[in-house]
Amino acid sequence: MADLSALTVTSLERAPELESAVDRLITGNMPPFMSWESPGNWRWHRLYDTHPAHQICVLDEEGRLVAAANGLPVPWDGTVDGLPGGSDDVLVSAFDGPAARPDALCMLSVSVSARLRGGGLAEGLLTRARDEARAAGLRGVVIPVRPTRKARYPLVPMADYARWRRPDGTPFDPWLATHAALGAELLAPCDRSLVISQPVARWEEITGHPLPGPARHLVPGALAPLEVSADGEGVYAEPNFWVFHPAT
């Protein structure tokens, strides 16, 4: 695990000028369509304005942003049934729902610069988030994880994919395995964590070929098939998997 003490750890509360750099880091780690309009994406920047202390930023020795974790406190009763529907639901409930007492810290994104991946920065950010949850008296950290290898298996349901194991018994997916190694509980899939609906012509710009419908089509970087309707609309429902890092 990377020693964050050797780097500069700050937040958007202390360094709001890093907001654009955080956006670039996040979008650079995702397929391009993941930043398209969705109920959660429409509200994303309100996260920066209302919970800047929970937008953790890591800078290298030259002051460049190399990692970030984005989250907010959420209500959660500690049960699988009580989990939000996914990242869209977390943000819609936070900004459009009734006020509720938070019980956990929800991290919606953990991003690391490509040149430093595998060096323990992600683990350091997760540990820091868990420490912050403990200090705030919360249950811990819940995360709708986007498994890193799931895009290679878009036809496999998330629940089945998350059950795959290596010969040593650890999760097959490297990102899920990282969470498990840090003591996280692998809870349940959220099959419609983020939902993006766009005209099929826009999706065809991603695939480079026609997407006639009604049909299900594979899109590079997607974790599940794109559903194209006869009227020319393409709907992508991003599946994620909930994990929980207890504060204790």
Protein backbone atom coordinates (compact mmCIF):
# COMPACT_ATOMS: atom_id res chain seq x y z
CA MET A 1 0.00 0.00 0.00
CA ALA A 2 1.26 3.46 -0.87
CA ASP A 3 2.29 5.70 2.00
CA LEU A 4 0.10 8.76 1.50
CA SER A 5 2.24 10.64 4.00
CA ALA A 6 4.92 10.80 1.32
CA LEU A 7 2.49 12.68 -0.94
CA THR A 8 0.28 15.71 -0.46
CA VAL A 9 -3.27 14.79 0.52
CA THR A 10 -5.84 17.56 0.36
CA SER A 11 -9.49 18.04 -0.62
CA LEU A 12 -11.63 20.32 -2.75
CA GLU A 13 -12.56 22.09 0.47
CA ARG A 14 -8.95 23.19 0.90
CA ALA A 15 -8.01 23.32 -2.78
CA PRO A 16 -11.11 24.11 -4.91
CA GLU A 17 -8.85 25.00 -7.83
CA LEU A 18 -8.30 21.25 -8.35
CA GLU A 19 -11.89 20.67 -9.48
CA SER A 20 -11.08 20.65 -13.21
CA ALA A 21 -8.12 18.34 -12.65
CA VAL A 22 -10.35 15.94 -10.71
CA ASP A 23 -12.83 15.91 -13.59
CA ARG A 24 -10.07 15.17 -16.09
CA LEU A 25 -8.70 12.35 -13.95
CA ILE A 26 -12.12 10.71 -13.58
CA THR A 27 -13.10 10.97 -17.25
CA GLY A 28 -9.65 9.79 -18.33
CA ASN A 29 -10.19 6.55 -16.41
CA MET A 30 -13.62 5.84 -17.93
CA PRO A 31 -15.11 5.04 -21.34
CA PRO A 32 -16.31 8.32 -22.92
CA PHE A 33 -20.01 7.50 -22.59
CA MET A 34 -19.76 7.29 -18.80
CA SER A 35 -19.76 11.08 -18.60
CA TRP A 36 -22.88 11.45 -20.74
CA GLU A 37 -26.15 12.62 -19.25
CA SER A 38 -27.65 10.47 -16.50
CA PRO A 39 -29.61 11.31 -13.35
CA GLY A 40 -26.40 11.07 -11.32
CA ASN A 41 -24.14 12.81 -13.81
CA TRP A 42 -26.51 15.78 -13.96
CA ARG A 43 -25.93 16.25 -10.22
CA TRP A 44 -22.24 15.33 -10.04
CA HIS A 45 -20.81 18.81 -9.58
CA ARG A 46 -23.21 19.55 -6.75
CA LEU A 47 -21.14 16.95 -4.92
CA TYR A 48 -18.15 19.27 -5.13
CA ASP A 49 -20.14 22.25 -3.87
CA THR A 50 -21.95 20.59 -0.98
CA HIS A 51 -19.41 17.99 0.22
CA PRO A 52 -15.99 19.38 -0.74
CA ALA A 53 -14.28 17.84 2.30
CA HIS A 54 -15.13 14.36 0.98
CA GLN A 55 -13.50 14.98 -2.40
CA ILE A 56 -10.03 13.69 -1.50
CA CYS A 57 -7.13 14.68 -3.75
CA VAL A 58 -3.58 13.32 -3.83
CA LEU A 59 -0.77 15.39 -5.36
CA ASP A 60 2.71 14.25 -6.32
CA GLU A 61 5.92 16.07 -5.46
CA GLU A 62 5.39 18.42 -8.41
CA GLY A 63 1.88 19.35 -7.32
CA ARG A 64 0.14 17.28 -9.99
CA LEU A 65 -3.09 15.47 -9.17
CA VAL A 66 -2.39 11.73 -9.26
CA ALA A 67 -5.38 10.26 -7.43
CA ALA A 68 -8.81 11.27 -6.17
CA ALA A 69 -11.73 9.78 -4.28
CA ASN A 70 -15.19 11.31 -4.47
CA GLY A 71 -17.93 10.69 -1.95
CA LEU A 72 -20.58 11.94 0.42
CA PRO A 73 -22.31 10.81 3.63
CA VAL A 74 -25.49 8.80 3.04
CA PRO A 75 -28.23 7.18 5.12
CA TRP A 76 -27.96 3.37 5.23
CA ASP A 77 -29.39 0.94 7.75
CA GLY A 78 -26.61 -1.61 7.28
CA THR A 79 -28.70 -4.15 5.37
CA VAL A 80 -28.45 -5.28 1.75
CA ASP A 81 -32.11 -4.41 1.22
CA GLY A 82 -31.42 -0.92 2.53
CA LEU A 83 -28.68 -0.17 -0.01
CA PRO A 84 -29.34 2.55 -2.59
CA GLY A 85 -30.12 1.52 -6.15
CA GLY A 86 -26.68 2.64 -7.27
CA SER A 87 -24.72 5.80 -7.98
CA ASP A 88 -27.63 7.57 -9.71
CA ASP A 89 -29.88 6.84 -6.75
CA VAL A 90 -27.28 8.07 -4.26
CA LEU A 91 -26.97 11.46 -5.96
CA VAL A 92 -30.66 11.92 -6.72
CA SER A 93 -31.60 11.08 -3.12
CA ALA A 94 -28.87 13.32 -1.73
CA PHE A 95 -29.89 16.41 -3.66
CA ASP A 96 -33.58 15.93 -4.41
CA GLY A 97 -34.78 13.70 -1.58
CA PRO A 98 -35.75 14.57 1.99
CA ALA A 99 -32.97 15.31 4.46
CA ALA A 100 -31.80 12.22 6.33
CA ARG A 101 -29.21 11.49 9.00
CA PRO A 102 -26.10 9.92 7.41
CA ASP A 103 -24.95 6.49 8.57
CA ALA A 104 -22.13 5.75 6.12
CA LEU A 105 -19.70 7.38 3.74
CA CYS A 106 -20.40 6.47 0.11
CA MET A 107 -17.45 6.73 -2.26
CA LEU A 108 -18.72 7.00 -5.83
CA SER A 109 -15.36 7.17 -7.57
CA VAL A 110 -11.76 6.22 -6.80
CA SER A 111 -9.40 7.28 -9.59
CA VAL A 112 -5.64 6.88 -9.97
CA SER A 113 -3.41 8.26 -12.71
CA ALA A 114 -2.50 5.57 -15.25
CA ARG A 115 1.23 5.93 -14.60
CA LEU A 116 0.79 5.15 -10.89
CA ARG A 117 -1.79 2.37 -10.97
CA GLY A 118 -0.80 -0.73 -9.06
CA GLY A 119 1.33 1.24 -6.65
CA GLY A 120 -1.09 1.16 -3.73
CA LEU A 121 -2.64 4.62 -4.12
CA ALA A 122 -6.15 3.21 -4.44
CA GLU A 123 -5.68 1.17 -1.27
CA GLY A 124 -4.38 4.26 0.50
CA LEU A 125 -7.44 6.26 -0.52
CA LEU A 126 -9.81 3.53 0.61
CA THR A 127 -8.07 3.29 3.96
CA ARG A 128 -8.23 7.05 4.40
CA ALA A 129 -11.95 7.08 3.55
CA ARG A 130 -12.56 4.34 6.13
CA ASP A 131 -10.61 6.33 8.73
CA GLU A 132 -12.69 9.43 7.97
CA ALA A 133 -15.89 7.41 8.37
CA ARG A 134 -14.69 6.10 11.72
CA ALA A 135 -13.77 9.60 12.91
CA ALA A 136 -17.25 10.82 11.95
CA GLY A 137 -18.94 8.00 13.87
CA LEU A 138 -20.30 6.34 10.71
CA ARG A 139 -20.73 2.62 10.03
CA GLY A 140 -18.02 2.66 7.39
CA VAL A 141 -17.69 3.13 3.65
CA VAL A 142 -20.06 1.76 1.00
CA ILE A 143 -19.02 1.78 -2.64
CA PRO A 144 -20.83 0.85 -5.87
CA VAL A 145 -17.74 -0.72 -7.44
CA ARG A 146 -17.13 -0.77 -11.20
CA PRO A 147 -15.11 -4.00 -11.52
CA THR A 148 -12.10 -3.46 -13.76
CA ARG A 149 -12.37 -6.65 -15.84
CA LYS A 150 -16.15 -6.81 -16.16
CA ALA A 151 -16.07 -5.09 -19.59
CA ARG A 152 -14.40 -8.24 -20.95
CA TYR A 153 -17.48 -10.24 -19.94
CA PRO A 154 -20.46 -7.98 -20.72
CA LEU A 155 -22.88 -10.88 -21.22
CA VAL A 156 -22.27 -12.31 -17.74
CA PRO A 157 -24.67 -11.01 -15.06
CA MET A 158 -22.88 -8.99 -12.39
CA ALA A 159 -24.04 -11.32 -9.61
CA ASP A 160 -22.41 -14.29 -11.38
CA TYR A 161 -19.27 -12.35 -12.25
CA ALA A 162 -18.73 -11.27 -8.65
CA ARG A 163 -18.84 -14.92 -7.54
CA TRP A 164 -15.94 -15.92 -9.76
CA ARG A 165 -12.82 -16.85 -7.80
CA ARG A 166 -9.15 -17.41 -8.51
CA PRO A 167 -7.52 -20.71 -7.53
CA ASP A 168 -6.47 -19.14 -4.22
CA GLY A 169 -10.08 -18.28 -3.40
CA THR A 170 -9.80 -14.52 -3.86
CA PRO A 171 -12.17 -12.63 -6.18
CA PHE A 172 -11.39 -13.00 -9.88
CA ASP A 173 -11.76 -9.29 -10.51
CA PRO A 174 -8.69 -7.29 -9.43
CA TRP A 175 -10.66 -4.32 -8.09
CA LEU A 176 -13.04 -6.51 -6.10
CA ALA A 177 -10.00 -8.45 -4.86
CA THR A 178 -8.40 -5.21 -3.69
CA HIS A 179 -11.47 -4.35 -1.64
CA ALA A 180 -11.65 -7.86 -0.18
CA ALA A 181 -7.96 -7.75 0.78
CA LEU A 182 -8.65 -4.58 2.75
CA GLY A 183 -11.40 -6.32 4.71
CA ALA A 184 -14.41 -5.20 2.72
CA GLU A 185 -17.60 -7.23 2.60
CA LEU A 186 -18.85 -7.98 -0.92
CA LEU A 187 -22.57 -7.33 -0.58
CA ALA A 188 -24.74 -7.34 -3.70
CA PRO A 189 -25.04 -6.21 -7.31
CA CYS A 190 -26.81 -3.03 -8.33
CA ASP A 191 -27.77 -3.78 -11.91
CA ARG A 192 -28.95 -0.27 -12.80
CA SER A 193 -26.42 1.81 -10.91
CA LEU A 194 -26.18 4.45 -13.62
CA VAL A 195 -28.57 4.68 -16.58
CA ILE A 196 -27.69 6.54 -19.77
CA SER A 197 -30.28 7.01 -22.53
CA GLN A 198 -29.12 8.58 -25.80
CA PRO A 199 -30.03 8.51 -29.51
CA VAL A 200 -28.51 5.50 -31.21
CA ALA A 201 -26.52 7.77 -33.53
CA ARG A 202 -24.45 8.91 -30.57
CA TRP A 203 -23.73 5.33 -29.54
CA GLU A 204 -22.74 4.53 -33.13
CA GLU A 205 -19.98 7.12 -32.82
CA ILE A 206 -18.53 4.93 -30.06
CA THR A 207 -18.86 1.59 -31.85
CA GLY A 208 -18.04 2.81 -35.36
CA HIS A 209 -20.79 0.69 -36.91
CA PRO A 210 -24.63 0.72 -37.18
CA LEU A 211 -26.70 -0.45 -34.21
CA PRO A 212 -30.11 -1.46 -35.59
CA GLY A 213 -32.92 -2.27 -33.21
CA PRO A 214 -34.68 -3.59 -31.38
CA ALA A 215 -31.61 -5.49 -30.23
CA ARG A 216 -28.88 -5.76 -27.62
CA HIS A 217 -25.44 -4.57 -28.73
CA LEU A 218 -21.97 -4.67 -27.22
CA VAL A 219 -20.21 -1.34 -26.72
CA PRO A 220 -16.46 -1.04 -26.00
CA GLY A 221 -15.92 -0.42 -22.30
CA ALA A 222 -19.50 -1.21 -21.29
CA LEU A 223 -20.12 -3.72 -18.50
CA ALA A 224 -23.43 -4.90 -19.98
CA PRO A 225 -25.11 -4.79 -23.40
CA LEU A 226 -26.69 -1.64 -24.78
CA GLU A 227 -30.44 -1.97 -25.30
CA VAL A 228 -31.49 -0.36 -28.60
CA SER A 229 -35.18 0.16 -29.22
CA ALA A 230 -37.00 0.29 -32.55
CA ASP A 231 -37.45 4.05 -32.18
CA GLY A 232 -33.70 4.67 -32.26
CA GLU A 233 -32.95 5.15 -28.57
CA GLY A 234 -30.06 3.36 -26.90
CA VAL A 235 -30.25 2.71 -23.15
CA TYR A 236 -27.24 1.57 -21.17
CA ALA A 237 -27.79 0.39 -17.60
CA GLU A 238 -24.40 0.18 -15.86
CA PRO A 239 -24.19 -2.66 -13.34
CA ASN A 240 -21.98 -2.18 -10.29
CA PHE A 241 -21.35 -4.21 -7.14
CA TRP A 242 -21.81 -2.90 -3.62
CA VAL A 243 -18.96 -3.41 -1.17
CA PHE A 244 -18.74 -2.28 2.45
CA HIS A 245 -15.64 -1.36 4.43
CA PRO A 246 -16.60 -1.43 8.14
CA ALA A 247 -15.23 1.44 10.18
CA THR A 248 -14.42 -0.83 13.10
